[in-house]
Protein backbone atom coordinates (compact mmCIF):
# COMPACT_ATOMS: atom_id res chain seq x y z
CA UNK A 1 176.99 151.03 185.26
CA UNK A 2 177.25 153.23 188.32
CA UNK A 3 173.55 154.14 188.57
CA UNK A 4 171.74 157.47 189.04
CA UNK A 5 172.41 157.39 192.74
CA UNK A 6 176.09 157.63 192.45
CA UNK A 7 178.84 160.15 191.40
CA UNK A 8 182.23 159.34 189.79
CA UNK A 9 185.13 161.53 190.61
CA UNK A 10 188.67 161.18 188.99
CA UNK A 11 191.56 163.58 189.39
CA UNK A 12 194.22 164.27 186.74
CA UNK A 13 197.78 163.00 187.54
CA UNK A 14 199.69 165.60 189.58
CA UNK A 15 202.90 167.16 188.30
CA UNK A 16 205.94 165.37 189.70
CA UNK A 17 209.27 167.35 190.34
CA UNK A 18 212.50 165.93 189.45
CA UNK A 19 214.51 168.35 191.44
CA UNK A 20 214.33 171.98 192.42
CA UNK A 21 212.08 173.71 189.73
CA UNK A 22 212.46 170.98 187.18
CA UNK A 23 209.34 168.72 186.69
CA UNK A 24 209.49 165.15 185.23
CA UNK A 25 207.81 165.08 181.71
CA UNK A 26 204.12 165.22 182.27
CA UNK A 27 202.13 162.04 181.60
CA UNK A 28 198.36 161.99 182.27
CA UNK A 29 196.73 159.40 184.48
CA UNK A 30 195.72 156.44 182.17
CA UNK A 31 192.19 156.37 183.49
CA UNK A 32 191.77 160.09 183.27
CA UNK A 33 193.14 160.06 179.65
CA UNK A 34 190.76 157.07 178.85
CA UNK A 35 187.71 159.12 179.96
CA UNK A 36 188.54 162.58 178.76
CA UNK A 37 191.49 162.83 176.44
CA UNK A 38 192.52 165.77 178.47
CA UNK A 39 196.30 166.11 178.79
CA UNK A 40 196.93 168.69 181.56
CA UNK A 41 197.52 168.48 185.28
CA UNK A 42 195.28 170.29 187.90
CA UNK A 43 192.04 168.86 186.61
CA UNK A 44 189.17 166.85 187.92
CA UNK A 45 186.30 164.91 186.06
CA UNK A 46 182.87 164.47 187.67
CA UNK A 47 180.59 161.92 186.04
CA UNK A 48 176.94 162.73 187.36
CA UNK A 49 174.43 160.16 185.98
CA UNK A 50 170.94 161.57 185.41
CA UNK A 51 172.09 165.31 186.10
CA UNK A 52 169.73 167.52 184.19
CA UNK A 53 172.32 170.27 183.79
CA UNK A 54 174.91 167.74 182.24
CA UNK A 55 176.32 164.44 183.38
CA UNK A 56 180.09 165.02 182.19
CA UNK A 57 181.74 167.98 183.96
CA UNK A 58 185.43 168.93 184.03
CA UNK A 59 187.22 171.26 186.45
CA UNK A 60 190.46 172.51 184.96
CA UNK A 61 192.75 175.58 184.75
CA UNK A 62 191.72 178.68 183.10
CA UNK A 63 193.51 180.40 180.50
CA UNK A 64 196.35 182.63 181.98
CA UNK A 65 198.58 184.67 179.76
CA UNK A 66 201.28 185.05 182.25
CA UNK A 67 201.56 181.46 183.30
CA UNK A 68 201.30 180.34 179.71
CA UNK A 69 204.23 182.40 178.84
CA UNK A 70 206.33 180.21 181.15
CA UNK A 71 204.73 176.84 181.05
CA UNK A 72 202.85 176.74 177.57
CA UNK A 73 199.31 176.98 176.32
CA UNK A 74 196.34 175.67 178.41
CA UNK A 75 193.11 174.59 176.93
CA UNK A 76 190.82 176.43 179.22
CA UNK A 77 187.17 175.60 180.19
CA UNK A 78 185.46 176.83 177.09
CA UNK A 79 187.68 175.05 174.53
CA UNK A 80 187.77 171.88 176.96
CA UNK A 81 184.09 171.59 176.85
CA UNK A 82 183.75 172.06 173.20
CA UNK A 83 186.57 169.90 171.89
CA UNK A 84 186.26 167.33 174.49
CA UNK A 85 182.52 166.90 173.96
CA UNK A 86 181.98 167.50 177.70
CA UNK A 87 178.61 168.87 179.04
CA UNK A 88 180.32 171.57 181.08
CA UNK A 89 183.47 172.80 182.49
CA UNK A 90 184.28 175.14 185.39
CA UNK A 91 187.64 176.67 186.67
CA UNK A 92 189.46 174.30 189.08
CA UNK A 93 189.80 177.12 191.47
CA UNK A 94 186.08 177.03 191.89
CA UNK A 95 185.87 173.23 192.56
CA UNK A 96 185.43 173.73 196.44
CA UNK A 97 182.25 175.84 195.91
CA UNK A 98 180.73 173.88 193.08
CA UNK A 99 181.56 170.37 193.26
CA UNK A 100 180.21 169.50 196.95
CA UNK A 101 176.78 170.57 195.70
CA UNK A 102 177.11 168.05 192.71
CA UNK A 103 177.89 165.28 195.24
CA UNK A 104 174.92 165.93 197.49
CA UNK A 105 172.11 163.53 196.99
CA UNK A 106 174.35 160.92 195.66
CA UNK A 107 174.51 157.67 197.92
CA UNK A 108 178.14 156.35 196.44
CA UNK A 109 181.19 157.84 195.30
CA UNK A 110 183.32 156.00 192.72
CA UNK A 111 186.79 157.07 192.84
CA UNK A 112 190.45 155.90 193.14
CA UNK A 113 190.63 156.29 196.92
CA UNK A 114 194.16 155.57 198.24
CA UNK A 115 195.99 156.59 194.96
CA UNK A 116 196.64 160.22 195.57
CA UNK A 117 196.67 161.05 199.36
CA UNK A 118 196.26 164.70 198.79
CA UNK A 119 193.12 164.27 196.69
CA UNK A 120 191.69 161.94 198.84
CA UNK A 121 192.03 164.38 201.85
CA UNK A 122 190.18 167.04 199.53
CA UNK A 123 187.24 164.61 198.83
CA UNK A 124 186.85 163.71 202.53
CA UNK A 125 186.77 167.39 203.40
CA UNK A 126 183.91 167.96 200.84
CA UNK A 127 181.87 165.03 202.26
CA UNK A 128 182.51 166.33 205.84
CA UNK A 129 181.24 169.70 204.87
CA UNK A 130 178.19 168.39 203.40
CA UNK A 131 177.37 166.41 206.52
CA UNK A 132 177.84 169.22 208.78
CA UNK A 133 175.92 171.76 206.59
CA UNK A 134 173.00 169.98 205.17
CA UNK A 135 171.15 168.83 208.47
CA UNK A 136 170.15 165.45 207.30
CA UNK A 137 170.45 165.59 203.52
CA UNK A 138 171.53 162.80 201.53
CA UNK A 139 175.35 162.57 201.72
CA UNK A 140 177.44 159.56 200.17
CA UNK A 141 178.16 156.83 202.64
CA UNK A 142 180.21 154.60 200.46
CA UNK A 143 183.47 155.21 198.69
CA UNK A 144 183.63 152.55 196.02
CA UNK A 145 186.67 151.55 193.73
CA UNK A 146 186.13 153.03 190.34
CA UNK A 147 188.59 150.49 189.04
CA UNK A 148 185.95 147.78 189.44
CA UNK A 149 183.77 149.43 186.60
CA UNK A 150 186.55 151.07 184.58
CA UNK A 151 189.35 148.57 184.24
CA UNK A 152 187.17 145.92 182.74
CA UNK A 153 186.18 148.54 179.97
CA UNK A 154 189.72 149.32 179.19
CA UNK A 155 190.59 145.71 178.65
CA UNK A 156 188.59 145.69 175.40
CA UNK A 157 190.13 147.88 172.84
CA UNK A 158 188.09 149.89 170.45
CA UNK A 159 188.85 150.16 166.55
CA UNK A 160 190.44 153.62 167.31
CA UNK A 161 192.43 152.24 170.43
CA UNK A 162 193.71 149.45 168.13
CA UNK A 163 194.91 151.91 165.49
CA UNK A 164 196.84 153.87 167.99
CA UNK A 165 198.39 150.61 169.31
CA UNK A 166 199.37 149.60 165.67
CA UNK A 167 200.98 152.82 165.22
CA UNK A 168 202.90 152.44 168.57
CA UNK A 169 204.02 149.06 167.38
CA UNK A 170 205.27 150.44 164.03
CA UNK A 171 207.37 153.18 165.95
CA UNK A 172 208.77 150.53 168.37
CA UNK A 173 209.49 148.27 165.57
CA UNK A 174 211.38 150.93 163.56
CA UNK A 175 213.47 151.38 166.64
CA UNK A 176 214.25 147.79 167.16
CA UNK A 177 215.29 147.44 163.56
CA UNK A 178 217.55 150.48 163.91
CA UNK A 179 219.20 149.12 166.99
CA UNK A 180 219.91 145.84 165.11
CA UNK A 181 221.69 147.77 162.40
CA UNK A 182 223.91 149.44 164.91
CA UNK A 183 224.69 146.56 167.31
CA UNK A 184 228.30 145.43 166.73
CA UNK A 185 231.21 144.45 169.08
CA UNK A 186 232.62 147.62 170.82
CA UNK A 187 229.42 149.40 170.79
CA UNK A 188 228.03 150.49 174.24
CA UNK A 189 224.72 149.64 175.42
CA UNK A 190 223.86 153.17 176.01
CA UNK A 191 224.71 153.84 172.40
CA UNK A 192 221.97 151.23 171.34
CA UNK A 193 219.61 152.85 173.85
CA UNK A 194 220.27 156.36 172.26
CA UNK A 195 219.47 155.07 168.83
CA UNK A 196 216.25 153.72 170.09
CA UNK A 197 215.19 156.70 171.73
CA UNK A 198 216.22 158.90 168.82
CA UNK A 199 214.04 156.63 166.52
CA UNK A 200 211.05 156.85 168.79
CA UNK A 201 211.32 160.69 169.49
CA UNK A 202 211.92 161.12 165.71
CA UNK A 203 208.54 159.58 164.92
CA UNK A 204 206.63 161.92 167.28
CA UNK A 205 206.23 159.32 169.98
CA UNK A 206 207.77 158.78 173.58
CA UNK A 207 209.29 155.67 175.09
CA UNK A 208 206.71 153.59 176.83
CA UNK A 209 209.33 152.73 179.60
CA UNK A 210 213.00 152.88 179.97
CA UNK A 211 214.61 150.52 177.57
CA UNK A 212 216.53 147.33 178.41
CA UNK A 213 219.75 147.01 176.57
CA UNK A 214 221.46 143.91 177.94
CA UNK A 215 224.60 142.54 176.45
CA UNK A 216 225.88 138.98 177.38
CA UNK A 217 225.10 137.97 180.98
CA UNK A 218 223.26 141.07 181.68
CA UNK A 219 220.35 139.72 179.72
CA UNK A 220 219.85 137.27 182.59
CA UNK A 221 218.81 140.21 184.74
CA UNK A 222 215.11 140.42 184.12
CA UNK A 223 214.85 144.14 184.52
CA UNK A 224 218.31 145.35 183.74
CA UNK A 225 218.41 149.15 183.46
CA UNK A 226 222.11 150.21 183.66
CA UNK A 227 222.78 150.10 179.91
CA UNK A 228 226.53 150.96 180.46
CA UNK A 229 228.47 147.91 179.31
CA UNK A 230 230.28 147.32 175.96
CA UNK A 231 228.98 144.82 173.63
CA UNK A 232 231.40 141.94 172.98
CA UNK A 233 231.79 139.47 170.04
CA UNK A 234 230.24 136.17 171.04
CA UNK A 235 227.52 137.71 173.15
CA UNK A 236 223.88 138.05 172.55
CA UNK A 237 222.21 141.41 172.98
CA UNK A 238 218.60 141.44 174.44
CA UNK A 239 216.68 144.59 173.73
CA UNK A 240 213.38 145.27 175.47
CA UNK A 241 211.76 148.56 174.28
CA UNK A 242 208.35 150.05 173.45
CA UNK A 243 206.89 153.33 172.31
CA UNK A 244 203.87 155.34 173.52
CA UNK A 245 201.54 157.07 171.05
CA UNK A 246 198.84 159.20 172.59
CA UNK A 247 199.42 157.31 175.83
CA UNK A 248 198.94 153.95 174.09
CA UNK A 249 201.87 151.54 174.51
CA UNK A 250 203.84 148.87 172.49
CA UNK A 251 206.40 146.48 174.15
CA UNK A 252 208.71 144.38 172.21
CA UNK A 253 211.72 142.34 173.06
CA UNK A 254 214.37 140.80 170.72
CA UNK A 255 217.57 138.88 171.35
CA UNK A 256 220.31 138.43 168.72
CA UNK A 257 223.95 137.79 168.41
CA UNK A 258 226.18 140.94 168.45
CA UNK A 259 228.40 139.67 165.71
CA UNK A 260 225.75 138.09 163.62
CA UNK A 261 226.20 134.47 164.39
CA UNK A 262 224.89 132.29 167.18
CA UNK A 263 227.09 129.82 168.90
CA UNK A 264 225.81 126.27 169.11
CA UNK A 265 224.60 126.68 172.73
CA UNK A 266 223.09 130.11 171.92
CA UNK A 267 221.24 128.78 168.99
CA UNK A 268 220.03 125.67 170.76
CA UNK A 269 218.39 127.79 173.51
CA UNK A 270 217.08 130.39 170.99
CA UNK A 271 215.22 127.72 168.95
CA UNK A 272 213.57 126.58 172.08
CA UNK A 273 212.37 130.00 173.02
CA UNK A 274 211.28 130.89 169.43
CA UNK A 275 209.30 127.56 169.10
CA UNK A 276 207.76 128.34 172.60
CA UNK A 277 206.61 131.77 171.47
CA UNK A 278 205.15 130.55 168.39
CA UNK A 279 203.06 128.02 170.41
CA UNK A 280 202.09 130.49 172.73
CA UNK A 281 200.88 133.03 170.26
CA UNK A 282 198.82 130.31 168.43
CA UNK A 283 197.03 129.81 171.91
CA UNK A 284 195.75 133.48 171.86
CA UNK A 285 192.31 132.69 170.58
CA UNK A 286 188.76 133.67 171.78
CA UNK A 287 187.46 131.07 174.06
CA UNK A 288 190.95 130.04 175.27
CA UNK A 289 192.16 130.79 178.85
CA UNK A 290 194.71 133.58 179.19
CA UNK A 291 196.83 131.05 181.04
CA UNK A 292 196.81 128.61 178.05
CA UNK A 293 199.40 130.72 176.28
CA UNK A 294 201.91 130.37 179.30
CA UNK A 295 201.04 126.62 179.55
CA UNK A 296 201.98 126.25 175.76
CA UNK A 297 205.29 128.08 176.27
CA UNK A 298 206.10 126.09 179.43
CA UNK A 299 205.66 122.80 177.72
CA UNK A 300 207.96 123.70 174.79
CA UNK A 301 210.60 125.04 177.23
CA UNK A 302 210.38 122.16 179.58
CA UNK A 303 210.70 119.71 176.65
CA UNK A 304 213.78 121.66 175.17
CA UNK A 305 215.55 122.02 178.51
CA UNK A 306 215.19 118.36 179.05
CA UNK A 307 216.36 117.35 175.55
CA UNK A 308 219.73 119.48 176.24
CA UNK A 309 220.11 117.88 179.68
CA UNK A 310 219.71 121.10 181.50
CA UNK A 311 217.07 119.78 183.73
CA UNK A 312 216.42 116.22 184.43
CA UNK A 313 213.21 113.96 184.23
CA UNK A 314 210.30 113.51 181.95
CA UNK A 315 208.47 116.51 180.61
CA UNK A 316 205.51 115.99 182.79
CA UNK A 317 207.74 115.80 185.76
CA UNK A 318 209.73 118.84 184.89
CA UNK A 319 206.59 120.61 184.59
CA UNK A 320 204.81 119.39 187.77
CA UNK A 321 207.82 119.93 189.94
CA UNK A 322 208.62 123.36 188.39
CA UNK A 323 212.26 122.18 187.45
CA UNK A 324 212.16 124.76 184.52
CA UNK A 325 211.50 127.78 186.81
CA UNK A 326 215.09 128.59 187.59
CA UNK A 327 215.54 129.27 183.76
CA UNK A 328 212.09 130.54 183.04
CA UNK A 329 210.92 132.25 186.31
CA UNK A 330 208.43 134.75 184.80
CA UNK A 331 204.93 134.45 183.20
CA UNK A 332 204.58 134.47 179.32
CA UNK A 333 202.72 137.78 179.02
CA UNK A 334 200.55 140.60 180.33
CA UNK A 335 197.77 142.83 179.33
CA UNK A 336 198.80 145.81 177.04
CA UNK A 337 197.22 149.17 176.46
CA UNK A 338 197.33 152.66 178.00
CA UNK A 339 199.82 151.04 180.47
CA UNK A 340 202.43 148.76 179.53
CA UNK A 341 201.40 146.27 182.11
CA UNK A 342 197.80 147.31 181.57
CA UNK A 343 194.84 146.90 183.89
CA UNK A 344 192.40 143.98 183.93
CA UNK A 345 191.83 140.77 185.84
CA UNK A 346 193.91 137.72 184.91
CA UNK A 347 191.54 135.49 186.98
CA UNK A 348 187.81 135.52 187.42
CA UNK A 349 186.27 133.82 190.59
CA UNK A 350 189.63 131.98 190.82
CA UNK A 351 189.73 130.72 187.30
CA UNK A 352 191.81 131.88 184.42
CA UNK A 353 190.39 134.66 182.32
CA UNK A 354 188.91 133.51 178.93
CA UNK A 355 190.18 135.75 176.06
CA UNK A 356 187.72 137.65 174.07
CA UNK A 357 187.88 139.68 170.85
CA UNK A 358 189.52 143.14 171.53
CA UNK A 359 191.80 142.14 174.09
CA UNK A 360 195.59 142.90 173.60
CA UNK A 361 198.50 141.14 175.41
CA UNK A 362 202.10 140.41 175.09
CA UNK A 363 203.64 136.99 174.63
CA UNK A 364 207.17 136.89 175.79
CA UNK A 365 208.88 133.50 176.82
CA UNK A 366 212.39 133.43 177.68
CA UNK A 367 215.32 131.38 178.94
CA UNK A 368 217.88 132.89 181.49
CA UNK A 369 220.69 130.81 182.65
CA UNK A 370 222.50 132.70 185.55
CA UNK A 371 226.19 133.17 184.97
CA UNK A 372 227.02 131.52 188.37
CA UNK A 373 224.87 128.49 187.98
CA UNK A 374 227.19 125.69 188.84
CA UNK A 375 224.61 122.97 188.04
CA UNK A 376 225.08 123.32 184.23
CA UNK A 377 228.31 123.37 182.01
CA UNK A 378 230.13 126.47 181.77
CA UNK A 379 229.24 126.89 178.07
CA UNK A 380 225.53 127.46 178.80
CA UNK A 381 226.07 129.94 181.59
CA UNK A 382 225.13 133.72 181.05
CA UNK A 383 222.84 133.17 178.26
CA UNK A 384 219.66 135.24 178.39
CA UNK A 385 216.92 135.15 175.61
CA UNK A 386 213.48 136.60 175.45
CA UNK A 387 211.30 137.26 172.52
CA UNK A 388 208.14 139.22 172.89
CA UNK A 389 205.39 140.55 170.54
CA UNK A 390 202.10 142.31 170.93
CA UNK A 391 199.01 140.22 170.17
CA UNK A 392 195.49 141.19 169.46
CA UNK A 393 192.71 138.70 170.03
CA UNK A 394 190.61 138.52 167.05
CA UNK A 395 187.70 136.15 166.05
CA UNK A 396 190.25 133.89 164.37
CA UNK A 397 194.12 133.70 164.18
CA UNK A 398 195.86 136.21 166.50
CA UNK A 399 197.24 139.29 165.08
CA UNK A 400 200.83 140.02 165.72
CA UNK A 401 201.11 143.89 165.58
CA UNK A 402 204.99 143.64 165.83
CA UNK A 403 205.70 141.16 163.19
CA UNK A 404 207.77 143.83 161.25
CA UNK A 405 210.78 143.13 163.73
CA UNK A 406 212.81 140.06 162.48
CA UNK A 407 212.92 137.16 164.96
CA UNK A 408 213.51 133.85 162.89
CA UNK A 409 217.06 132.68 163.63
CA UNK A 410 218.05 132.96 159.94
CA UNK A 411 216.83 136.58 159.66
CA UNK A 412 219.00 137.45 162.64
């Protein structure tokens, strides 16, 4: 795709320090993982189309018994080349001597310029050195965004990628079921969070993002993170949590009554969201636009809110004027993959993207009535509901990877 006059250069994610000498848990850059499967920092991948001595070259840390005693085993160059099916691997300490020569003769560099300033400066230094030393040789003149090539590839999941995502969904599903069993009046949100994290880690996975555990009116905060309140009888509990298996994510949300019974108002709103989600999932089919899923959910929610008297006017007017948006302010889903909000364009030339087999997305409509909303009767205030599943676009009916987690009102 890049052509033999180009070079593609990608750096591993740097380590991030939490405080003093304690780093955050390391997580590889998603693009770097996609192209290499290499899970260590301090590495650079060079893709060199047409190079006689090998097109895929990794620079990484060498084995070091003293450092490995402190930080753990390193793969090293020999093992990296062999196990990752690379053409060659060199010590990262030698990159300044080796990589500039690989860049020479290429007219374009594909990279993630602007993502990591330290690596950007190093790349520019290599190019300046070539210009000053080669006396008129061919030196790249253009830096091109690697994402233009790579992210469209990542949008289509292979059979092996889908297998990892199904495993991720199974782990997250087990965590949600464990949370449901634990939820009761008097239990703290952080206790539910602890059970979710225990279940995910107990199955060899890691959380894909910090879970949202939102009881009562906290569910009206779209990205609630405090997780400190105590669950109360009569409240709903919204849990948004996902797992990550080999860097591939799942993302599930369920909302259910803390004490096992919906109030009349809660059930009325839940039925609307549930119906909206089923309609939106049904629209996830090849040849349909990505936006069709959202449009299907909007129509059901607008109809339901109008029937309950929470918004006024005909369904068409509610939709046209956006009268539903104070209660459904978000979109209905996003791409899912190596990132929870995965890469990939949602629009092509200004038009909604058409779904194709192998794409994976979430479907997550919701209704959120703020606790201070004086335009509705008090009995409706502070109710927040979202239902989210992970969906694979197939040749026919959509595959719901997260169907193992109950969501029908009777099951809850």
